[in-house]
Amino acid sequence: MRLQNLDLNLLKYLEAIVETGSTAGAAEKLGVSQTSVSRGMAKLRETFGDQLFIRRAHGVEPSDLAIKLAEASEEMLKPLNQVIESYQQFDALQFSGKIKIAMNIIILDLHGDAIFTKLREAFPKADFELVYWQENSLGDVLSGDIDYLIQFASHVLPQEVYRHSLRKVGLCLVARKGHPILSYSSLWEDIHHLPLARVIIDGAKTKHTLIEDYYCFKGFNEPRISLATHSIRAICTKLVNSDAIMFGTQFVSMLDNRLQSYSLPPLPIELRSSEVCGGYLQSKRGYPLNMALQQAIQEYFQTIPSFDSSD
């Protein structure tokens, strides 16, 4: 029996023939031609044997095997139909399950509140768990424990994860207002000695950021990291109370009115901006929950200002 080549549509023919007792009745029930049903019956005989149906003067009589196969096919197709119905009938407004999203810690700190507000509008009955990306987060995505991720495009993800662009964000220097050097110059020769503050990114495989590596490429000493922390708020406090600088976005300067955005020093174009991406398992592409998540988060990122990295 060549079940691996069996067309599932033939099982519907089988059920209809068993129920009606004729190819004409099956064709009427399924809304197809009698010729299609006859061809289907022939293919069923090729798979299950000639004993499947017995020809009678009034039509066809299903054998005991045909009756049992029809009963089994109904039970087999039921969960498939339920899955299809769940796709077609999914309503984000009525979804009452739990949604877990892992984000790069910078994104979570800067946009977590607004993203949650958008998600709560899209899924008013759902429960949420918004966590920052950690070393074990990729494993949780691959196991299905995390429904959606938000990361920078520079973060390497395996092929099992479907990734899509959410927003390209321009970078800038962030420091206190009236900074004694940045107020006049952002050239490398004027700023390379200034202490840096940066966010610790769990799960990152490199010790230095791309911009820190660029210091060495320019022939300067390795930058002095005066504060490395998970907390954006702690970095803001450091920047406000010292001459330290941060390579970040204008969203950071908007967290405290004592901070200001300054022009970047000369950098390759690929280091003047960063792309934010969303992602989830390739196996869940087309799944209504993930599609609704992608749409809601995409809509949020389309509303945020697009800052020019040359400003």
Protein backbone atom coordinates (compact mmCIF):
# COMPACT_ATOMS: atom_id res chain seq x y z
CA MET A 1 0.00 0.00 0.00
CA ARG A 2 1.69 3.21 -1.23
CA LEU A 3 0.33 5.48 1.50
CA GLN A 4 3.21 7.94 1.11
CA ASN A 5 1.78 8.87 -2.32
CA LEU A 6 -1.84 9.06 -1.21
CA ASP A 7 -3.70 12.26 -2.11
CA LEU A 8 -5.70 13.34 0.95
CA ASN A 9 -8.48 14.57 -1.33
CA LEU A 10 -9.13 10.93 -2.25
CA LEU A 11 -10.17 10.26 1.33
CA LYS A 12 -13.04 12.72 0.90
CA TYR A 13 -14.07 10.77 -2.22
CA LEU A 14 -13.87 7.57 -0.20
CA GLU A 15 -16.13 8.96 2.55
CA ALA A 16 -18.67 10.25 0.00
CA ILE A 17 -18.80 6.95 -1.94
CA VAL A 18 -19.27 4.96 1.28
CA GLU A 19 -22.01 7.35 2.42
CA THR A 20 -23.94 7.56 -0.88
CA GLY A 21 -23.20 4.12 -2.37
CA SER A 22 -22.60 5.48 -5.88
CA THR A 23 -20.20 7.63 -7.84
CA ALA A 24 -23.08 9.84 -8.98
CA GLY A 25 -24.21 10.45 -5.39
CA ALA A 26 -20.64 11.15 -4.29
CA ALA A 27 -20.17 13.62 -7.14
CA GLU A 28 -23.35 15.48 -6.19
CA LYS A 29 -22.35 15.57 -2.51
CA LEU A 30 -18.85 16.91 -3.25
CA GLY A 31 -19.89 19.23 -6.07
CA VAL A 32 -17.54 17.65 -8.63
CA SER A 33 -18.03 15.70 -11.83
CA GLN A 34 -18.84 12.00 -11.78
CA THR A 35 -15.77 11.45 -13.93
CA SER A 36 -13.56 12.96 -11.20
CA VAL A 37 -15.08 10.62 -8.62
CA SER A 38 -14.57 7.59 -10.92
CA ARG A 39 -10.92 8.53 -11.39
CA GLY A 40 -10.56 8.99 -7.67
CA MET A 41 -12.10 5.59 -7.02
CA ALA A 42 -9.65 4.04 -9.49
CA LYS A 43 -6.71 5.62 -7.65
CA LEU A 44 -8.10 4.37 -4.35
CA ARG A 45 -8.23 0.85 -5.79
CA GLU A 46 -4.58 1.21 -6.90
CA THR A 47 -3.62 2.03 -3.33
CA PHE A 48 -5.88 -0.27 -1.31
CA GLY A 49 -6.70 -3.05 -3.78
CA ASP A 50 -9.61 -4.06 -5.99
CA GLN A 51 -11.55 -5.41 -3.02
CA LEU A 52 -12.25 -1.85 -1.81
CA PHE A 53 -15.58 -1.55 -3.68
CA ILE A 54 -17.90 -4.18 -5.13
CA ARG A 55 -19.85 -3.21 -8.24
CA ARG A 56 -23.61 -3.78 -8.05
CA ALA A 57 -26.41 -3.03 -10.50
CA HIS A 58 -27.55 -0.05 -8.46
CA GLY A 59 -24.07 1.34 -7.85
CA VAL A 60 -21.10 0.29 -5.72
CA GLU A 61 -21.10 -1.49 -2.41
CA PRO A 62 -18.27 -0.57 -0.03
CA SER A 63 -16.34 -3.44 1.46
CA ASP A 64 -15.66 -3.73 5.17
CA LEU A 65 -12.18 -2.31 4.45
CA ALA A 66 -13.70 0.72 2.71
CA ILE A 67 -16.07 1.37 5.61
CA LYS A 68 -13.28 1.19 8.18
CA LEU A 69 -10.99 3.42 6.05
CA ALA A 70 -13.77 6.00 5.72
CA GLU A 71 -14.24 6.04 9.51
CA ALA A 72 -10.47 6.32 10.05
CA SER A 73 -10.10 9.11 7.47
CA GLU A 74 -12.80 11.14 9.19
CA GLU A 75 -10.93 10.89 12.50
CA MET A 76 -7.61 11.64 10.80
CA LEU A 77 -8.85 14.71 8.96
CA LYS A 78 -10.66 16.17 11.97
CA PRO A 79 -7.50 17.62 13.65
CA LEU A 80 -6.32 18.93 10.27
CA ASN A 81 -9.63 20.72 9.78
CA GLN A 82 -9.37 22.15 13.30
CA VAL A 83 -5.93 23.59 12.52
CA ILE A 84 -7.21 25.12 9.28
CA GLU A 85 -10.22 26.60 11.09
CA SER A 86 -7.97 28.07 13.78
CA TYR A 87 -5.97 29.84 11.07
CA GLN A 88 -9.07 31.15 9.36
CA GLN A 89 -10.94 32.15 12.52
CA PHE A 90 -8.06 33.60 14.60
CA ASP A 91 -9.06 36.85 16.28
CA ALA A 92 -6.31 38.77 18.09
CA LEU A 93 -8.93 40.71 20.04
CA GLN A 94 -10.23 37.45 21.53
CA PHE A 95 -6.88 35.69 22.02
CA SER A 96 -6.49 34.96 25.74
CA GLY A 97 -3.23 33.02 25.81
CA LYS A 98 0.25 34.07 26.93
CA ILE A 99 2.68 35.86 24.60
CA LYS A 100 6.41 35.92 25.36
CA ILE A 101 8.71 38.35 23.55
CA ALA A 102 12.47 38.71 24.01
CA MET A 103 14.13 42.01 23.05
CA ASN A 104 17.60 43.42 22.93
CA ILE A 105 17.96 45.18 26.28
CA ILE A 106 18.43 48.60 24.66
CA ILE A 107 15.21 48.20 22.69
CA LEU A 108 13.36 46.95 25.76
CA ASP A 109 14.56 49.90 27.84
CA LEU A 110 13.84 52.55 25.20
CA HIS A 111 10.69 51.14 23.57
CA GLY A 112 9.34 48.45 25.89
CA ASP A 113 6.61 50.62 27.38
CA ALA A 114 5.33 51.83 24.01
CA ILE A 115 5.56 48.35 22.47
CA PHE A 116 3.54 46.94 25.38
CA THR A 117 0.90 49.63 24.88
CA LYS A 118 0.62 48.67 21.20
CA LEU A 119 0.45 44.96 22.02
CA ARG A 120 -2.21 45.52 24.65
CA GLU A 121 -4.33 47.31 22.04
CA ALA A 122 -3.88 44.46 19.53
CA PHE A 123 -4.32 41.63 22.09
CA PRO A 124 -6.48 43.09 24.90
CA LYS A 125 -7.19 39.71 26.52
CA ALA A 126 -3.67 38.25 26.31
CA ASP A 127 -1.04 37.96 29.05
CA PHE A 128 2.45 39.20 28.19
CA GLU A 129 6.00 38.43 29.23
CA LEU A 130 8.53 40.93 27.87
CA VAL A 131 12.10 39.93 28.68
CA TYR A 132 15.53 41.11 27.61
CA TRP A 133 17.61 38.90 25.32
CA GLN A 134 19.97 36.61 27.23
CA GLU A 135 22.43 33.86 26.35
CA ASN A 136 19.74 31.18 26.56
CA SER A 137 17.13 33.16 24.60
CA LEU A 138 17.96 31.65 21.22
CA GLY A 139 17.38 28.17 22.61
CA ASP A 140 14.01 29.33 23.95
CA VAL A 141 13.09 30.68 20.50
CA LEU A 142 14.05 27.41 18.82
CA SER A 143 12.08 25.38 21.37
CA GLY A 144 9.01 27.58 20.88
CA ASP A 145 9.09 29.03 24.41
CA ILE A 146 9.59 32.56 23.00
CA ASP A 147 6.97 33.62 20.46
CA TYR A 148 8.74 36.65 18.98
CA LEU A 149 12.10 38.40 19.19
CA ILE A 150 13.30 41.95 18.54
CA GLN A 151 17.00 42.38 17.89
CA PHE A 152 19.47 44.49 15.95
CA ALA A 153 20.30 43.19 12.48
CA SER A 154 23.95 42.73 13.50
CA HIS A 155 22.89 39.92 15.86
CA VAL A 156 23.49 36.61 14.08
CA LEU A 157 20.51 34.23 14.00
CA PRO A 158 20.30 30.71 12.51
CA GLN A 159 18.30 29.82 9.41
CA GLU A 160 15.58 28.29 11.58
CA VAL A 161 14.56 31.84 12.55
CA TYR A 162 12.60 33.96 10.09
CA ARG A 163 13.79 37.57 10.37
CA HIS A 164 12.22 40.73 8.94
CA SER A 165 13.15 44.40 9.12
CA LEU A 166 11.23 46.67 11.50
CA ARG A 167 13.08 49.98 11.31
CA LYS A 168 16.40 51.53 10.38
CA VAL A 169 17.56 53.90 13.12
CA GLY A 170 20.23 56.59 12.76
CA LEU A 171 22.98 56.72 15.41
CA CYS A 172 24.49 59.75 17.12
CA LEU A 173 26.64 60.71 20.08
CA VAL A 174 24.81 61.27 23.34
CA ALA A 175 26.28 63.40 26.13
CA ARG A 176 25.30 66.13 28.57
CA LYS A 177 24.08 69.45 27.27
CA GLY A 178 26.85 71.98 26.84
CA HIS A 179 29.50 69.27 26.64
CA PRO A 180 32.87 71.09 26.67
CA ILE A 181 34.16 69.27 23.56
CA LEU A 182 31.15 67.99 21.61
CA SER A 183 29.64 71.48 21.61
CA TYR A 184 32.43 72.46 19.24
CA SER A 185 33.72 69.29 17.57
CA SER A 186 32.95 65.61 17.01
CA LEU A 187 36.18 64.87 15.14
CA TRP A 188 38.11 61.77 16.19
CA GLU A 189 41.21 63.68 17.21
CA ASP A 190 39.10 65.72 19.62
CA ILE A 191 36.93 62.99 21.16
CA HIS A 192 38.89 59.70 21.07
CA HIS A 193 40.19 60.21 24.63
CA LEU A 194 36.74 60.75 26.15
CA PRO A 195 35.41 57.96 28.38
CA LEU A 196 32.60 55.84 26.99
CA ALA A 197 29.43 54.51 28.55
CA ARG A 198 27.74 51.53 26.94
CA VAL A 199 25.06 48.94 27.50
CA ILE A 200 26.02 45.34 28.26
CA ILE A 201 24.40 43.08 25.67
CA ASP A 202 23.93 39.52 26.95
CA GLY A 203 24.32 36.87 24.30
CA ALA A 204 26.71 38.99 22.20
CA LYS A 205 29.60 36.86 20.93
CA THR A 206 32.15 39.67 20.64
CA LYS A 207 33.96 41.47 23.44
CA HIS A 208 33.91 44.85 21.70
CA THR A 209 31.28 46.71 19.72
CA LEU A 210 31.97 47.53 16.06
CA ILE A 211 32.54 51.17 16.96
CA GLU A 212 35.05 50.23 19.68
CA ASP A 213 36.90 48.16 17.11
CA TYR A 214 36.92 51.20 14.85
CA TYR A 215 38.93 53.12 17.49
CA CYS A 216 41.75 50.64 16.99
CA PHE A 217 41.35 50.77 13.23
CA LYS A 218 41.84 54.55 13.40
CA GLY A 219 45.06 54.03 15.34
CA PHE A 220 43.79 55.21 18.73
CA ASN A 221 44.15 53.38 21.99
CA GLU A 222 41.32 51.08 23.01
CA PRO A 223 38.58 53.34 24.39
CA ARG A 224 38.16 53.56 28.15
CA ILE A 225 34.77 52.18 29.13
CA SER A 226 33.97 54.20 32.23
CA LEU A 227 30.57 52.51 32.69
CA ALA A 228 29.20 49.27 31.27
CA THR A 229 25.79 48.30 32.56
CA HIS A 230 22.45 46.74 31.67
CA SER A 231 20.69 49.93 32.76
CA ILE A 232 20.07 52.77 30.30
CA ARG A 233 18.97 54.94 33.24
CA ALA A 234 22.32 54.42 34.98
CA ILE A 235 24.08 55.44 31.77
CA CYS A 236 21.98 58.61 31.60
CA THR A 237 23.06 59.49 35.13
CA LYS A 238 26.70 58.89 34.20
CA LEU A 239 26.43 61.05 31.07
CA VAL A 240 24.70 63.91 32.87
CA ASN A 241 27.35 64.04 35.62
CA SER A 242 30.54 63.61 33.58
CA ASP A 243 32.16 64.22 30.23
CA ALA A 244 31.52 60.60 29.19
CA ILE A 245 29.87 59.98 25.83
CA MET A 246 27.71 57.22 24.37
CA PHE A 247 27.27 55.98 20.82
CA GLY A 248 23.52 55.56 20.70
CA THR A 249 20.30 56.98 19.29
CA GLN A 250 18.43 60.20 19.87
CA PHE A 251 15.92 58.17 21.88
CA VAL A 252 18.52 58.00 24.67
CA SER A 253 18.86 61.79 24.79
CA MET A 254 15.07 62.07 25.01
CA LEU A 255 15.07 60.15 28.32
CA ASP A 256 16.57 63.11 30.22
CA ASN A 257 16.27 66.79 29.30
CA ARG A 258 19.82 67.32 30.54
CA LEU A 259 21.14 65.19 27.67
CA GLN A 260 21.71 66.15 24.05
CA SER A 261 22.38 64.42 20.74
CA TYR A 262 25.56 65.36 18.90
CA SER A 263 26.92 64.55 15.44
CA LEU A 264 28.89 61.37 14.94
CA PRO A 265 32.59 61.50 14.10
CA PRO A 266 33.47 60.40 10.55
CA LEU A 267 32.38 56.75 10.29
CA PRO A 268 31.70 54.26 7.49
CA ILE A 269 28.08 54.43 6.40
CA GLU A 270 27.35 50.98 7.84
CA LEU A 271 28.28 52.24 11.33
CA ARG A 272 26.14 55.36 11.15
CA SER A 273 22.85 53.54 11.58
CA SER A 274 21.43 50.34 12.96
CA GLU A 275 18.54 48.19 11.77
CA VAL A 276 15.97 46.76 14.18
CA CYS A 277 14.59 43.36 13.19
CA GLY A 278 11.80 41.12 14.40
CA GLY A 279 11.79 37.36 14.14
CA TYR A 280 10.21 34.02 14.95
CA LEU A 281 10.52 30.39 13.94
CA GLN A 282 10.42 29.63 10.22
CA SER A 283 7.98 26.83 11.06
CA LYS A 284 5.54 29.46 12.37
CA ARG A 285 5.50 31.60 9.23
CA GLY A 286 1.89 32.04 8.28
CA TYR A 287 0.74 31.14 11.80
CA PRO A 288 -1.94 33.74 12.69
CA LEU A 289 -0.56 34.61 16.14
CA ASN A 290 2.91 35.38 14.80
CA MET A 291 1.52 37.29 11.83
CA ALA A 292 -0.60 39.42 14.17
CA LEU A 293 2.44 40.03 16.41
CA GLN A 294 4.55 41.05 13.43
CA GLN A 295 1.86 43.44 12.20
CA ALA A 296 1.36 45.12 15.59
CA ILE A 297 5.08 45.59 16.25
CA GLN A 298 5.72 46.69 12.66
CA GLU A 299 3.01 49.33 13.05
CA TYR A 300 4.65 50.63 16.22
CA PHE A 301 8.09 51.00 14.63
CA GLN A 302 6.59 52.77 11.64
CA THR A 303 5.27 55.48 13.97
CA ILE A 304 8.56 56.33 15.66
CA PRO A 305 10.57 59.28 14.27
CA SER A 306 13.28 58.50 11.74
CA PHE A 307 16.37 60.40 12.85
CA ASP A 308 19.02 61.24 10.30
CA SER A 309 22.42 59.95 11.46
CA SER A 310 24.06 62.98 9.84
CA ASP A 311 22.21 65.44 12.12
